[in-house]
Amino acid sequence: MHLTVFDAMGHDNAPGLCAALALGACRNARRQGAGLTAKGEAVEAVLLEPHDQRRYVTGILTPSTRVLVC
């Protein structure tokens, strides 16, 4: 099971784009088998590239766990 929550700041369309970019980068890293730190670094990289340091996204990332249903 994976839990990731992102919240972007602002009142225009850019926060929605930033949150979507963060979620996409996190999903991509997770699907490639990245650990928690690598997922955070992937999100940071994708946000810094187009926006420099003018935008930010607050996020909560949890490590992957397996859920066994009996």
PDB file of N, CA and C in Angstrom:
ATOM      1  N   MET A   1       0.846  -1.157   0.000  1.00  0.00           N
ATOM      2  CA  MET A   1       0.000   0.000   0.000  1.00  0.00           C
ATOM      3  C   MET A   1       0.900   1.232   0.000  1.00  0.00           C
ATOM      4  N   HIS A   2       0.477   2.257  -0.696  1.00  0.00           N
ATOM      5  CA  HIS A   2       1.237   3.500  -0.798  1.00  0.00           C
ATOM      6  C   HIS A   2       0.329   4.653  -0.383  1.00  0.00           C
ATOM      7  N   LEU A   3       0.861   5.587   0.368  1.00  0.00           N
ATOM      8  CA  LEU A   3       0.117   6.789   0.722  1.00  0.00           C
ATOM      9  C   LEU A   3       1.000   7.988   0.434  1.00  0.00           C
ATOM     10  N   THR A   4       0.503   8.861  -0.402  1.00  0.00           N
ATOM     11  CA  THR A   4       1.209  10.091  -0.737  1.00  0.00           C
ATOM     12  C   THR A   4       0.195  11.217  -0.804  1.00  0.00           C
ATOM     13  N   VAL A   5       0.479  12.321  -0.121  1.00  0.00           N
ATOM     14  CA  VAL A   5      -0.417  13.474  -0.118  1.00  0.00           C
ATOM     15  C   VAL A   5       0.400  14.698  -0.520  1.00  0.00           C
ATOM     16  N   PHE A   6      -0.098  15.450  -1.502  1.00  0.00           N
ATOM     17  CA  PHE A   6       0.563  16.678  -1.929  1.00  0.00           C
ATOM     18  C   PHE A   6      -0.408  17.843  -1.809  1.00  0.00           C
ATOM     19  N   ASP A   7       0.109  19.005  -1.422  1.00  0.00           N
ATOM     20  CA  ASP A   7      -0.685  20.225  -1.332  1.00  0.00           C
ATOM     21  C   ASP A   7       0.154  21.358  -1.915  1.00  0.00           C
ATOM     22  N   ALA A   8      -0.343  21.969  -2.975  1.00  0.00           N
ATOM     23  CA  ALA A   8       0.388  23.068  -3.623  1.00  0.00           C
ATOM     24  C   ALA A   8      -0.223  24.405  -3.225  1.00  0.00           C
ATOM     25  N   MET A   9       0.615  25.439  -3.174  1.00  0.00           N
ATOM     26  CA  MET A   9       0.192  26.757  -2.739  1.00  0.00           C
ATOM     27  C   MET A   9      -0.102  27.680  -3.919  1.00  0.00           C
ATOM     28  N   GLY A  10      -1.166  28.460  -3.815  1.00  0.00           N
ATOM     29  CA  GLY A  10      -1.452  29.475  -4.816  1.00  0.00           C
ATOM     30  C   GLY A  10      -2.925  29.563  -5.174  1.00  0.00           C
ATOM     31  N   HIS A  11      -3.242  30.552  -6.020  1.00  0.00           N
ATOM     32  CA  HIS A  11      -4.636  30.810  -6.379  1.00  0.00           C
ATOM     33  C   HIS A  11      -4.871  30.818  -7.881  1.00  0.00           C
ATOM     34  N   ASP A  12      -3.957  30.272  -8.647  1.00  0.00           N
ATOM     35  CA  ASP A  12      -4.147  30.212 -10.100  1.00  0.00           C
ATOM     36  C   ASP A  12      -3.996  28.755 -10.541  1.00  0.00           C
ATOM     37  N   ASN A  13      -3.730  28.522 -11.792  1.00  0.00           N
ATOM     38  CA  ASN A  13      -3.616  27.157 -12.297  1.00  0.00           C
ATOM     39  C   ASN A  13      -2.273  26.493 -11.970  1.00  0.00           C
ATOM     40  N   ALA A  14      -1.272  27.267 -11.669  1.00  0.00           N
ATOM     41  CA  ALA A  14       0.065  26.727 -11.414  1.00  0.00           C
ATOM     42  C   ALA A  14       0.106  25.737 -10.241  1.00  0.00           C
ATOM     43  N   PRO A  15      -0.594  25.975  -9.129  1.00  0.00           N
ATOM     44  CA  PRO A  15      -0.546  24.986  -8.045  1.00  0.00           C
ATOM     45  C   PRO A  15      -1.088  23.615  -8.463  1.00  0.00           C
ATOM     46  N   GLY A  16      -2.134  23.599  -9.248  1.00  0.00           N
ATOM     47  CA  GLY A  16      -2.661  22.327  -9.735  1.00  0.00           C
ATOM     48  C   GLY A  16      -1.654  21.605 -10.609  1.00  0.00           C
ATOM     49  N   LEU A  17      -0.967  22.354 -11.453  1.00  0.00           N
ATOM     50  CA  LEU A  17       0.070  21.777 -12.301  1.00  0.00           C
ATOM     51  C   LEU A  17       1.224  21.242 -11.445  1.00  0.00           C
ATOM     52  N   CYS A  18       1.629  22.005 -10.450  1.00  0.00           N
ATOM     53  CA  CYS A  18       2.728  21.562  -9.578  1.00  0.00           C
ATOM     54  C   CYS A  18       2.346  20.286  -8.826  1.00  0.00           C
ATOM     55  N   ALA A  19       1.136  20.227  -8.308  1.00  0.00           N
ATOM     56  CA  ALA A  19       0.697  19.023  -7.594  1.00  0.00           C
ATOM     57  C   ALA A  19       0.648  17.822  -8.537  1.00  0.00           C
ATOM     58  N   ALA A  20       0.174  18.028  -9.756  1.00  0.00           N
ATOM     59  CA  ALA A  20       0.123  16.938 -10.737  1.00  0.00           C
ATOM     60  C   ALA A  20       1.532  16.478 -11.121  1.00  0.00           C
ATOM     61  N   LEU A  21       2.450  17.414 -11.298  1.00  0.00           N
ATOM     62  CA  LEU A  21       3.843  17.051 -11.597  1.00  0.00           C
ATOM     63  C   LEU A  21       4.463  16.262 -10.445  1.00  0.00           C
ATOM     64  N   ALA A  22       4.209  16.713  -9.224  1.00  0.00           N
ATOM     65  CA  ALA A  22       4.753  16.020  -8.058  1.00  0.00           C
ATOM     66  C   ALA A  22       4.199  14.597  -7.965  1.00  0.00           C
ATOM     67  N   LEU A  23       2.911  14.450  -8.158  1.00  0.00           N
ATOM     68  CA  LEU A  23       2.291  13.128  -8.094  1.00  0.00           C
ATOM     69  C   LEU A  23       2.825  12.219  -9.200  1.00  0.00           C
ATOM     70  N   GLY A  24       2.946  12.743 -10.401  1.00  0.00           N
ATOM     71  CA  GLY A  24       3.468  11.955 -11.513  1.00  0.00           C
ATOM     72  C   GLY A  24       4.901  11.513 -11.281  1.00  0.00           C
ATOM     73  N   ALA A  25       5.732  12.411 -10.774  1.00  0.00           N
ATOM     74  CA  ALA A  25       7.130  12.062 -10.504  1.00  0.00           C
ATOM     75  C   ALA A  25       7.230  11.014  -9.400  1.00  0.00           C
ATOM     76  N   CYS A  26       6.400  11.146  -8.393  1.00  0.00           N
ATOM     77  CA  CYS A  26       6.404  10.187  -7.295  1.00  0.00           C
ATOM     78  C   CYS A  26       5.943   8.807  -7.772  1.00  0.00           C
ATOM     79  N   ARG A  27       4.884   8.771  -8.548  1.00  0.00           N
ATOM     80  CA  ARG A  27       4.400   7.501  -9.100  1.00  0.00           C
ATOM     81  C   ARG A  27       5.457   6.838  -9.986  1.00  0.00           C
ATOM     82  N   ASN A  28       6.071   7.638 -10.837  1.00  0.00           N
ATOM     83  CA  ASN A  28       7.093   7.105 -11.734  1.00  0.00           C
ATOM     84  C   ASN A  28       8.254   6.503 -10.948  1.00  0.00           C
ATOM     85  N   ALA A  29       8.712   7.220  -9.931  1.00  0.00           N
ATOM     86  CA  ALA A  29       9.814   6.720  -9.114  1.00  0.00           C
ATOM     87  C   ALA A  29       9.403   5.443  -8.382  1.00  0.00           C
ATOM     88  N   ARG A  30       8.188   5.422  -7.849  1.00  0.00           N
ATOM     89  CA  ARG A  30       7.717   4.226  -7.135  1.00  0.00           C
ATOM     90  C   ARG A  30       7.648   3.028  -8.070  1.00  0.00           C
ATOM     91  N   ARG A  31       7.150   3.240  -9.277  1.00  0.00           N
ATOM     92  CA  ARG A  31       7.029   2.134 -10.237  1.00  0.00           C
ATOM     93  C   ARG A  31       8.385   1.626 -10.710  1.00  0.00           C
ATOM     94  N   GLN A  32       9.407   2.453 -10.579  1.00  0.00           N
ATOM     95  CA  GLN A  32      10.766   2.024 -10.926  1.00  0.00           C
ATOM     96  C   GLN A  32      11.476   1.383  -9.739  1.00  0.00           C
ATOM     97  N   GLY A  33      10.768   1.242  -8.624  1.00  0.00           N
ATOM     98  CA  GLY A  33      11.334   0.588  -7.456  1.00  0.00           C
ATOM     99  C   GLY A  33      12.137   1.485  -6.540  1.00  0.00           C
ATOM    100  N   ALA A  34      11.978   2.787  -6.664  1.00  0.00           N
ATOM    101  CA  ALA A  34      12.747   3.725  -5.848  1.00  0.00           C
ATOM    102  C   ALA A  34      12.307   3.674  -4.392  1.00  0.00           C
ATOM    103  N   GLY A  35      13.235   3.974  -3.516  1.00  0.00           N
ATOM    104  CA  GLY A  35      12.938   4.059  -2.095  1.00  0.00           C
ATOM    105  C   GLY A  35      12.345   5.420  -1.750  1.00  0.00           C
ATOM    106  N   LEU A  36      12.088   5.621  -0.479  1.00  0.00           N
ATOM    107  CA  LEU A  36      11.438   6.842  -0.017  1.00  0.00           C
ATOM    108  C   LEU A  36      12.253   8.099  -0.340  1.00  0.00           C
ATOM    109  N   THR A  37      13.544   8.056  -0.085  1.00  0.00           N
ATOM    110  CA  THR A  37      14.407   9.211  -0.361  1.00  0.00           C
ATOM    111  C   THR A  37      14.453   9.519  -1.848  1.00  0.00           C
ATOM    112  N   ALA A  38      14.573   8.493  -2.661  1.00  0.00           N
ATOM    113  CA  ALA A  38      14.641   8.685  -4.112  1.00  0.00           C
ATOM    114  C   ALA A  38      13.334   9.253  -4.661  1.00  0.00           C
ATOM    115  N   LYS A  39      12.211   8.856  -4.078  1.00  0.00           N
ATOM    116  CA  LYS A  39      10.922   9.426  -4.505  1.00  0.00           C
ATOM    117  C   LYS A  39      10.888  10.928  -4.222  1.00  0.00           C
ATOM    118  N   GLY A  40      11.339  11.322  -3.044  1.00  0.00           N
ATOM    119  CA  GLY A  40      11.387  12.737  -2.698  1.00  0.00           C
ATOM    120  C   GLY A  40      12.316  13.526  -3.610  1.00  0.00           C
ATOM    121  N   GLU A  41      13.452  12.934  -3.930  1.00  0.00           N
ATOM    122  CA  GLU A  41      14.397  13.594  -4.835  1.00  0.00           C
ATOM    123  C   GLU A  41      13.827  13.727  -6.248  1.00  0.00           C
ATOM    124  N   ALA A  42      13.059  12.734  -6.694  1.00  0.00           N
ATOM    125  CA  ALA A  42      12.437  12.803  -8.018  1.00  0.00           C
ATOM    126  C   ALA A  42      11.411  13.926  -8.082  1.00  0.00           C
ATOM    127  N   VAL A  43      10.641  14.071  -7.022  1.00  0.00           N
ATOM    128  CA  VAL A  43       9.638  15.151  -6.961  1.00  0.00           C
ATOM    129  C   VAL A  43      10.345  16.501  -6.964  1.00  0.00           C
ATOM    130  N   GLU A  44      11.384  16.632  -6.165  1.00  0.00           N
ATOM    131  CA  GLU A  44      12.129  17.896  -6.112  1.00  0.00           C
ATOM    132  C   GLU A  44      12.718  18.252  -7.476  1.00  0.00           C
ATOM    133  N   ALA A  45      13.279  17.273  -8.148  1.00  0.00           N
ATOM    134  CA  ALA A  45      13.901  17.528  -9.447  1.00  0.00           C
ATOM    135  C   ALA A  45      12.887  18.004 -10.476  1.00  0.00           C
ATOM    136  N   VAL A  46      11.721  17.380 -10.506  1.00  0.00           N
ATOM    137  CA  VAL A  46      10.726  17.752 -11.516  1.00  0.00           C
ATOM    138  C   VAL A  46      10.124  19.131 -11.230  1.00  0.00           C
ATOM    139  N   LEU A  47      10.082  19.533  -9.976  1.00  0.00           N
ATOM    140  CA  LEU A  47       9.534  20.856  -9.651  1.00  0.00           C
ATOM    141  C   LEU A  47      10.557  21.973  -9.822  1.00  0.00           C
ATOM    142  N   LEU A  48      11.825  21.688  -9.546  1.00  0.00           N
ATOM    143  CA  LEU A  48      12.851  22.731  -9.660  1.00  0.00           C
ATOM    144  C   LEU A  48      13.178  23.066 -11.106  1.00  0.00           C
ATOM    145  N   GLU A  49      13.056  22.085 -11.986  1.00  0.00           N
ATOM    146  CA  GLU A  49      13.424  22.307 -13.391  1.00  0.00           C
ATOM    147  C   GLU A  49      12.625  23.449 -14.045  1.00  0.00           C
ATOM    148  N   PRO A  50      11.297  23.399 -14.068  1.00  0.00           N
ATOM    149  CA  PRO A  50      10.573  24.471 -14.760  1.00  0.00           C
ATOM    150  C   PRO A  50      10.281  25.693 -13.894  1.00  0.00           C
ATOM    151  N   HIS A  51      10.263  25.531 -12.567  1.00  0.00           N
ATOM    152  CA  HIS A  51       9.784  26.618 -11.710  1.00  0.00           C
ATOM    153  C   HIS A  51      10.865  27.250 -10.853  1.00  0.00           C
ATOM    154  N   ASP A  52      12.086  26.786 -10.951  1.00  0.00           N
ATOM    155  CA  ASP A  52      13.197  27.266 -10.130  1.00  0.00           C
ATOM    156  C   ASP A  52      12.788  27.152  -8.663  1.00  0.00           C
ATOM    157  N   GLN A  53      12.710  28.254  -7.942  1.00  0.00           N
ATOM    158  CA  GLN A  53      12.284  28.188  -6.539  1.00  0.00           C
ATOM    159  C   GLN A  53      11.101  29.111  -6.290  1.00  0.00           C
ATOM    160  N   ARG A  54      10.285  29.341  -7.305  1.00  0.00           N
ATOM    161  CA  ARG A  54       9.134  30.226  -7.158  1.00  0.00           C
ATOM    162  C   ARG A  54       7.884  29.498  -6.678  1.00  0.00           C
ATOM    163  N   ARG A  55       7.865  28.185  -6.753  1.00  0.00           N
ATOM    164  CA  ARG A  55       6.706  27.377  -6.354  1.00  0.00           C
ATOM    165  C   ARG A  55       7.165  26.270  -5.428  1.00  0.00           C
ATOM    166  N   TYR A  56       6.256  25.829  -4.587  1.00  0.00           N
ATOM    167  CA  TYR A  56       6.577  24.663  -3.773  1.00  0.00           C
ATOM    168  C   TYR A  56       5.325  23.844  -3.519  1.00  0.00           C
ATOM    169  N   VAL A  57       5.560  22.603  -3.173  1.00  0.00           N
ATOM    170  CA  VAL A  57       4.499  21.663  -2.871  1.00  0.00           C
ATOM    171  C   VAL A  57       4.848  21.000  -1.548  1.00  0.00           C
ATOM    172  N   THR A  58       3.914  20.986  -0.633  1.00  0.00           N
ATOM    173  CA  THR A  58       4.090  20.263   0.611  1.00  0.00           C
ATOM    174  C   THR A  58       3.649  18.833   0.374  1.00  0.00           C
ATOM    175  N   GLY A  59       4.419  17.880   0.851  1.00  0.00           N
ATOM    176  CA  GLY A  59       4.063  16.489   0.611  1.00  0.00           C
ATOM    177  C   GLY A  59       4.347  15.587   1.786  1.00  0.00           C
ATOM    178  N   ILE A  60       3.550  14.539   1.887  1.00  0.00           N
ATOM    179  CA  ILE A  60       3.763  13.474   2.858  1.00  0.00           C
ATOM    180  C   ILE A  60       3.935  12.193   2.067  1.00  0.00           C
ATOM    181  N   LEU A  61       5.088  11.569   2.210  1.00  0.00           N
ATOM    182  CA  LEU A  61       5.371  10.317   1.527  1.00  0.00           C
ATOM    183  C   LEU A  61       5.538   9.229   2.581  1.00  0.00           C
ATOM    184  N   THR A  62       4.975   8.066   2.311  1.00  0.00           N
ATOM    185  CA  THR A  62       5.155   6.947   3.240  1.00  0.00           C
ATOM    186  C   THR A  62       5.889   5.824   2.512  1.00  0.00           C
ATOM    187  N   PRO A  63       6.639   5.041   3.246  1.00  0.00           N
ATOM    188  CA  PRO A  63       7.302   3.906   2.610  1.00  0.00           C
ATOM    189  C   PRO A  63       6.264   2.862   2.157  1.00  0.00           C
ATOM    190  N   SER A  64       6.619   2.108   1.160  1.00  0.00           N
ATOM    191  CA  SER A  64       5.725   1.076   0.647  1.00  0.00           C
ATOM    192  C   SER A  64       5.631  -0.070   1.646  1.00  0.00           C
ATOM    193  N   THR A  65       4.434  -0.560   1.838  1.00  0.00           N
ATOM    194  CA  THR A  65       4.219  -1.712   2.701  1.00  0.00           C
ATOM    195  C   THR A  65       3.323  -2.706   1.976  1.00  0.00           C
ATOM    196  N   ARG A  66       3.467  -3.930   2.313  1.00  0.00           N
ATOM    197  CA  ARG A  66       2.616  -4.956   1.733  1.00  0.00           C
ATOM    198  C   ARG A  66       1.449  -5.211   2.666  1.00  0.00           C
ATOM    199  N   VAL A  67       0.278  -5.356   2.096  1.00  0.00           N
ATOM    200  CA  VAL A  67      -0.911  -5.642   2.873  1.00  0.00           C
ATOM    201  C   VAL A  67      -1.385  -7.044   2.508  1.00  0.00           C
ATOM    202  N   LEU A  68      -1.484  -7.882   3.506  1.00  0.00           N
ATOM    203  CA  LEU A  68      -1.940  -9.245   3.287  1.00  0.00           C
ATOM    204  C   LEU A  68      -3.402  -9.338   3.702  1.00  0.00           C
ATOM    205  N   VAL A  69      -4.244  -9.689   2.781  1.00  0.00           N
ATOM    206  CA  VAL A  69      -5.664  -9.834   3.068  1.00  0.00           C
ATOM    207  C   VAL A  69      -5.988 -11.309   3.141  1.00  0.00           C
ATOM    208  N   CYS A  70      -6.536 -11.736   4.254  1.00  0.00           N
ATOM    209  CA  CYS A  70      -6.889 -13.153   4.426  1.00  0.00           C
ATOM    210  C   CYS A  70      -8.388 -13.351   4.328  1.00  0.00           C
TER     211      CYS A  70
END
